[in-house]
Amino acid sequence: QGCGLVLSVTEMREQELLRVAVTKQHRAQILDTFFRHAFAQILDIHKSDAGSLGPQSSGRTREALQCELTAAELAEALGLKPDSLFVDSMFSLADKDGNGYLSFQEFLDVIVIFMKGTPEEKSRLMFTMHDVDGNGFLSKKEFARMLRSFVEISNNCLSKTQTEEVIESMFREAGFTDK
C-alpha cells in the first residue's frame, strides 16, 4: 500500500523459458569469454588470439562484455575462496557503482593495475583496498584486516590463532598496543 511497486506476472511456455534461461554451462562460457577478452586487452594479445568462439562469436563476445561478475566468480577467477578478505576488499573497491557486481570495465580498471601497474600504483591500490572508511589512513583494525588478507592469499600458511598472535606482536613491537 502506497509503495509504488507493481508486480507483473507473464505466462511463459516451458520451451521459451528454457530458451532464455542461462545454464551453469552457458554462464561458464560467458565468463570464459569475459576473462579471455579482459586479459587479451591487458596483455595486448590480438583479439583473434584470445580464442575463437565460432560463428556466433560477435554475439557471444557482446554478451560476455556486458556480463557482470559476482564476488564468488571473481574469487574463483583469482583462485581464492569466496569469503576471502582479499576478494572482499578488491571487490568493494572495484565495484564503483555499488551495484554488487563488477562490469567488464570495473574489472579491467583494477586488474590492469595488479598486472601492469608500477610498484607505487600497486601499493596505492592495496592501501585503498584496505582503507575501508576512506580517510587516507589505515586504522589498527584496517591494518590488521590487511595483514589477515595477505595471510589468506599466501595459502593460509598460519592458523587463525597464529595470525592474530603475529599481528598483536607486530603492534606491540611498534608501540601500538593501546591505539
C-alpha atoms as a PDB file:
ATOM      1  CA  GLN A   1       0.000   0.000   0.000  1.00  0.00           C
ATOM      2  CA  GLY A   2       1.492   3.289  -1.131  1.00  0.00           C
ATOM      3  CA  CYS A   3       4.950   1.899  -2.029  1.00  0.00           C
ATOM      4  CA  GLY A   4       4.517   2.266  -5.793  1.00  0.00           C
ATOM      5  CA  LEU A   5       5.706  -1.242  -6.705  1.00  0.00           C
ATOM      6  CA  VAL A   6       3.856  -3.131  -9.394  1.00  0.00           C
ATOM      7  CA  LEU A   7       4.231  -6.868  -9.909  1.00  0.00           C
ATOM      8  CA  SER A   8       3.672  -8.092 -13.423  1.00  0.00           C
ATOM      9  CA  VAL A   9       3.254 -11.817 -13.994  1.00  0.00           C
ATOM     10  CA  THR A  10       3.618 -13.142 -17.512  1.00  0.00           C
ATOM     11  CA  GLU A  11       2.814 -16.669 -18.529  1.00  0.00           C
ATOM     12  CA  MET A  12       5.619 -18.370 -20.415  1.00  0.00           C
ATOM     13  CA  ARG A  13       5.807 -21.756 -22.034  1.00  0.00           C
ATOM     14  CA  GLU A  14       8.478 -24.116 -20.722  1.00  0.00           C
ATOM     15  CA  GLN A  15      10.321 -24.134 -24.062  1.00  0.00           C
ATOM     16  CA  GLU A  16      10.511 -20.333 -24.115  1.00  0.00           C
ATOM     17  CA  LEU A  17      11.720 -20.247 -20.520  1.00  0.00           C
ATOM     18  CA  LEU A  18      14.438 -22.801 -21.251  1.00  0.00           C
ATOM     19  CA  ARG A  19      15.477 -20.847 -24.360  1.00  0.00           C
ATOM     20  CA  VAL A  20      16.148 -17.652 -22.413  1.00  0.00           C
ATOM     21  CA  ALA A  21      17.486 -19.252 -19.208  1.00  0.00           C
ATOM     22  CA  VAL A  22      21.219 -19.108 -18.517  1.00  0.00           C
ATOM     23  CA  THR A  23      22.512 -22.520 -17.516  1.00  0.00           C
ATOM     24  CA  LYS A  24      25.680 -23.075 -15.487  1.00  0.00           C
ATOM     25  CA  GLN A  25      27.384 -24.276 -18.665  1.00  0.00           C
ATOM     26  CA  HIS A  26      26.305 -21.170 -20.590  1.00  0.00           C
ATOM     27  CA  ARG A  27      27.413 -18.895 -17.709  1.00  0.00           C
ATOM     28  CA  ALA A  28      30.800 -20.665 -17.683  1.00  0.00           C
ATOM     29  CA  GLN A  29      31.154 -19.948 -21.418  1.00  0.00           C
ATOM     30  CA  ILE A  30      30.217 -16.295 -20.873  1.00  0.00           C
ATOM     31  CA  LEU A  31      32.788 -15.959 -18.075  1.00  0.00           C
ATOM     32  CA  ASP A  32      35.452 -17.723 -20.136  1.00  0.00           C
ATOM     33  CA  THR A  33      34.911 -15.199 -22.926  1.00  0.00           C
ATOM     34  CA  PHE A  34      34.832 -12.324 -20.407  1.00  0.00           C
ATOM     35  CA  PHE A  35      38.208 -13.289 -18.927  1.00  0.00           C
ATOM     36  CA  ARG A  36      39.848 -14.129 -22.260  1.00  0.00           C
ATOM     37  CA  HIS A  37      38.956 -10.718 -23.654  1.00  0.00           C
ATOM     38  CA  ALA A  38      39.874  -8.896 -20.434  1.00  0.00           C
ATOM     39  CA  PHE A  39      43.326 -10.458 -20.326  1.00  0.00           C
ATOM     40  CA  ALA A  40      43.752 -10.023 -24.088  1.00  0.00           C
ATOM     41  CA  GLN A  41      43.255  -6.266 -23.594  1.00  0.00           C
ATOM     42  CA  ILE A  42      45.572  -6.081 -20.600  1.00  0.00           C
ATOM     43  CA  LEU A  43      48.324  -8.191 -22.151  1.00  0.00           C
ATOM     44  CA  ASP A  44      47.964  -6.661 -25.642  1.00  0.00           C
ATOM     45  CA  ILE A  45      47.006 -10.001 -27.196  1.00  0.00           C
ATOM     46  CA  HIS A  46      45.339  -9.726 -30.584  1.00  0.00           C
ATOM     47  CA  LYS A  47      41.600 -10.449 -30.357  1.00  0.00           C
ATOM     48  CA  SER A  48      41.869 -13.342 -32.797  1.00  0.00           C
ATOM     49  CA  ASP A  49      44.416 -14.925 -30.440  1.00  0.00           C
ATOM     50  CA  ALA A  50      42.054 -14.577 -27.465  1.00  0.00           C
ATOM     51  CA  GLY A  51      40.292 -17.653 -28.765  1.00  0.00           C
ATOM     52  CA  SER A  52      37.785 -18.382 -31.461  1.00  0.00           C
ATOM     53  CA  LEU A  53      34.189 -18.597 -30.365  1.00  0.00           C
ATOM     54  CA  GLY A  54      32.717 -19.999 -33.542  1.00  0.00           C
ATOM     55  CA  PRO A  55      30.175 -18.465 -35.937  1.00  0.00           C
ATOM     56  CA  GLN A  56      28.208 -16.729 -33.181  1.00  0.00           C
ATOM     57  CA  SER A  57      31.340 -15.135 -31.735  1.00  0.00           C
ATOM     58  CA  SER A  58      30.328 -11.479 -32.029  1.00  0.00           C
ATOM     59  CA  GLY A  59      27.039 -12.090 -30.198  1.00  0.00           C
ATOM     60  CA  ARG A  60      28.738 -14.153 -27.509  1.00  0.00           C
ATOM     61  CA  THR A  61      31.522 -11.627 -27.122  1.00  0.00           C
ATOM     62  CA  ARG A  62      28.996  -8.812 -26.782  1.00  0.00           C
ATOM     63  CA  GLU A  63      27.058 -10.862 -24.209  1.00  0.00           C
ATOM     64  CA  ALA A  64      30.253 -11.597 -22.266  1.00  0.00           C
ATOM     65  CA  LEU A  65      31.414  -7.986 -22.273  1.00  0.00           C
ATOM     66  CA  GLN A  66      28.009  -6.882 -20.962  1.00  0.00           C
ATOM     67  CA  CYS A  67      28.009  -9.538 -18.244  1.00  0.00           C
ATOM     68  CA  GLU A  68      28.764  -8.577 -14.667  1.00  0.00           C
ATOM     69  CA  LEU A  69      30.777 -10.671 -12.218  1.00  0.00           C
ATOM     70  CA  THR A  70      29.674 -11.698  -8.764  1.00  0.00           C
ATOM     71  CA  ALA A  71      32.156 -11.705  -5.887  1.00  0.00           C
ATOM     72  CA  ALA A  72      32.141 -15.528  -5.961  1.00  0.00           C
ATOM     73  CA  GLU A  73      33.021 -15.524  -9.686  1.00  0.00           C
ATOM     74  CA  LEU A  74      35.860 -13.062  -9.056  1.00  0.00           C
ATOM     75  CA  ALA A  75      37.156 -15.259  -6.234  1.00  0.00           C
ATOM     76  CA  GLU A  76      37.066 -18.332  -8.456  1.00  0.00           C
ATOM     77  CA  ALA A  77      38.906 -16.472 -11.229  1.00  0.00           C
ATOM     78  CA  LEU A  78      41.618 -15.460  -8.744  1.00  0.00           C
ATOM     79  CA  GLY A  79      41.816 -18.971  -7.305  1.00  0.00           C
ATOM     80  CA  LEU A  80      40.683 -17.743  -3.877  1.00  0.00           C
ATOM     81  CA  LYS A  81      37.830 -18.618  -1.533  1.00  0.00           C
ATOM     82  CA  PRO A  82      34.608 -16.606  -1.985  1.00  0.00           C
ATOM     83  CA  ASP A  83      34.761 -15.418   1.642  1.00  0.00           C
ATOM     84  CA  SER A  84      38.388 -14.254   1.325  1.00  0.00           C
ATOM     85  CA  LEU A  85      39.135 -10.862   2.894  1.00  0.00           C
ATOM     86  CA  PHE A  86      41.280 -10.004  -0.138  1.00  0.00           C
ATOM     87  CA  VAL A  87      38.420 -10.739  -2.551  1.00  0.00           C
ATOM     88  CA  ASP A  88      36.007  -8.753  -0.387  1.00  0.00           C
ATOM     89  CA  SER A  89      38.355  -5.745  -0.309  1.00  0.00           C
ATOM     90  CA  MET A  90      39.178  -5.920  -4.018  1.00  0.00           C
ATOM     91  CA  PHE A  91      35.529  -6.379  -4.998  1.00  0.00           C
ATOM     92  CA  SER A  92      34.365  -3.471  -2.819  1.00  0.00           C
ATOM     93  CA  LEU A  93      36.998  -1.184  -4.339  1.00  0.00           C
ATOM     94  CA  ALA A  94      36.327  -2.255  -7.931  1.00  0.00           C
ATOM     95  CA  ASP A  95      32.518  -2.047  -7.680  1.00  0.00           C
ATOM     96  CA  LYS A  96      32.470   1.688  -8.438  1.00  0.00           C
ATOM     97  CA  ASP A  97      28.710   1.919  -8.973  1.00  0.00           C
ATOM     98  CA  GLY A  98      27.969  -0.099  -5.828  1.00  0.00           C
ATOM     99  CA  ASN A  99      25.518  -2.458  -7.548  1.00  0.00           C
ATOM    100  CA  GLY A 100      27.088  -5.611  -6.105  1.00  0.00           C
ATOM    101  CA  TYR A 101      28.563  -6.754  -9.435  1.00  0.00           C
ATOM    102  CA  LEU A 102      31.690  -5.966 -11.455  1.00  0.00           C
ATOM    103  CA  SER A 103      31.276  -4.781 -15.022  1.00  0.00           C
ATOM    104  CA  PHE A 104      33.925  -5.570 -17.615  1.00  0.00           C
ATOM    105  CA  GLN A 105      35.355  -2.046 -17.222  1.00  0.00           C
ATOM    106  CA  GLU A 106      35.338  -2.155 -13.406  1.00  0.00           C
ATOM    107  CA  PHE A 107      37.221  -5.477 -13.549  1.00  0.00           C
ATOM    108  CA  LEU A 108      39.734  -4.106 -16.060  1.00  0.00           C
ATOM    109  CA  ASP A 109      40.352  -0.915 -14.064  1.00  0.00           C
ATOM    110  CA  VAL A 110      41.600  -2.907 -11.068  1.00  0.00           C
ATOM    111  CA  ILE A 111      43.226  -5.937 -12.661  1.00  0.00           C
ATOM    112  CA  VAL A 112      45.319  -3.827 -15.063  1.00  0.00           C
ATOM    113  CA  ILE A 113      46.993  -2.161 -12.063  1.00  0.00           C
ATOM    114  CA  PHE A 114      47.768  -5.533 -10.481  1.00  0.00           C
ATOM    115  CA  MET A 115      49.232  -6.825 -13.737  1.00  0.00           C
ATOM    116  CA  LYS A 116      50.885  -3.782 -15.313  1.00  0.00           C
ATOM    117  CA  GLY A 117      50.982  -1.052 -12.703  1.00  0.00           C
ATOM    118  CA  THR A 118      54.117   0.419 -11.202  1.00  0.00           C
ATOM    119  CA  PRO A 119      55.058  -0.666  -7.675  1.00  0.00           C
ATOM    120  CA  GLU A 120      53.712   2.693  -6.448  1.00  0.00           C
ATOM    121  CA  GLU A 121      50.362   2.175  -8.231  1.00  0.00           C
ATOM    122  CA  LYS A 122      50.073  -1.341  -6.822  1.00  0.00           C
ATOM    123  CA  SER A 123      50.894  -0.102  -3.315  1.00  0.00           C
ATOM    124  CA  ARG A 124      48.336   2.699  -3.615  1.00  0.00           C
ATOM    125  CA  LEU A 125      45.711   0.222  -4.803  1.00  0.00           C
ATOM    126  CA  MET A 126      46.442  -2.173  -1.931  1.00  0.00           C
ATOM    127  CA  PHE A 127      46.244   0.719   0.539  1.00  0.00           C
ATOM    128  CA  THR A 128      42.948   1.960  -0.926  1.00  0.00           C
ATOM    129  CA  MET A 129      41.528  -1.576  -0.868  1.00  0.00           C
ATOM    130  CA  HIS A 130      42.046  -1.705   2.889  1.00  0.00           C
ATOM    131  CA  ASP A 131      41.285   1.929   3.831  1.00  0.00           C
ATOM    132  CA  VAL A 132      37.666   0.937   4.409  1.00  0.00           C
ATOM    133  CA  ASP A 133      36.494   4.300   5.758  1.00  0.00           C
ATOM    134  CA  GLY A 134      38.388   6.197   3.035  1.00  0.00           C
ATOM    135  CA  ASN A 135      40.029   8.639   5.461  1.00  0.00           C
ATOM    136  CA  GLY A 136      43.514   8.246   3.940  1.00  0.00           C
ATOM    137  CA  PHE A 137      44.853   6.301   6.940  1.00  0.00           C
ATOM    138  CA  LEU A 138      44.811   2.657   7.978  1.00  0.00           C
ATOM    139  CA  SER A 139      43.433   2.223  11.476  1.00  0.00           C
ATOM    140  CA  LYS A 140      44.758  -0.600  13.623  1.00  0.00           C
ATOM    141  CA  LYS A 141      41.654  -2.606  12.668  1.00  0.00           C
ATOM    142  CA  GLU A 142      42.091  -1.903   8.925  1.00  0.00           C
ATOM    143  CA  PHE A 143      45.811  -2.712   9.057  1.00  0.00           C
ATOM    144  CA  ALA A 144      45.135  -5.989  10.886  1.00  0.00           C
ATOM    145  CA  ARG A 145      42.485  -6.871   8.279  1.00  0.00           C
ATOM    146  CA  MET A 146      45.007  -6.167   5.504  1.00  0.00           C
ATOM    147  CA  LEU A 147      47.570  -8.462   7.147  1.00  0.00           C
ATOM    148  CA  ARG A 148      44.926 -11.198   7.548  1.00  0.00           C
ATOM    149  CA  SER A 149      44.073 -10.890   3.853  1.00  0.00           C
ATOM    150  CA  PHE A 150      47.762 -11.278   2.940  1.00  0.00           C
ATOM    151  CA  VAL A 151      47.965 -14.451   5.038  1.00  0.00           C
ATOM    152  CA  GLU A 152      44.854 -15.781   3.253  1.00  0.00           C
ATOM    153  CA  ILE A 153      46.267 -15.227  -0.230  1.00  0.00           C
ATOM    154  CA  SER A 154      49.547 -16.860   0.785  1.00  0.00           C
ATOM    155  CA  ASN A 155      47.706 -20.194   1.171  1.00  0.00           C
ATOM    156  CA  ASN A 156      46.925 -19.726   4.870  1.00  0.00           C
ATOM    157  CA  CYS A 157      50.429 -20.647   5.970  1.00  0.00           C
ATOM    158  CA  LEU A 158      49.407 -19.631   9.518  1.00  0.00           C
ATOM    159  CA  SER A 159      46.400 -20.679  11.562  1.00  0.00           C
ATOM    160  CA  LYS A 160      43.915 -18.008  12.662  1.00  0.00           C
ATOM    161  CA  THR A 161      45.400 -18.050  16.156  1.00  0.00           C
ATOM    162  CA  GLN A 162      48.967 -17.763  14.827  1.00  0.00           C
ATOM    163  CA  THR A 163      47.910 -14.906  12.530  1.00  0.00           C
ATOM    164  CA  GLU A 164      46.344 -12.996  15.431  1.00  0.00           C
ATOM    165  CA  GLU A 165      49.446 -13.609  17.576  1.00  0.00           C
ATOM    166  CA  VAL A 166      51.737 -12.290  14.821  1.00  0.00           C
ATOM    167  CA  ILE A 167      49.556  -9.201  14.297  1.00  0.00           C
ATOM    168  CA  GLU A 168      49.406  -8.460  18.046  1.00  0.00           C
ATOM    169  CA  SER A 169      53.162  -8.982  18.318  1.00  0.00           C
ATOM    170  CA  MET A 170      53.768  -6.537  15.443  1.00  0.00           C
ATOM    171  CA  PHE A 171      51.547  -3.913  17.073  1.00  0.00           C
ATOM    172  CA  ARG A 172      53.220  -4.467  20.463  1.00  0.00           C
ATOM    173  CA  GLU A 173      56.729  -4.129  18.980  1.00  0.00           C
ATOM    174  CA  ALA A 174      55.684  -0.967  17.126  1.00  0.00           C
ATOM    175  CA  GLY A 175      54.203   0.537  20.296  1.00  0.00           C
ATOM    176  CA  PHE A 176      50.600   0.416  19.061  1.00  0.00           C
ATOM    177  CA  THR A 177      49.067  -1.836  21.715  1.00  0.00           C
ATOM    178  CA  ASP A 178      46.784   0.886  23.114  1.00  0.00           C
ATOM    179  CA  LYS A 179      45.965   2.672  19.872  1.00  0.00           C
END
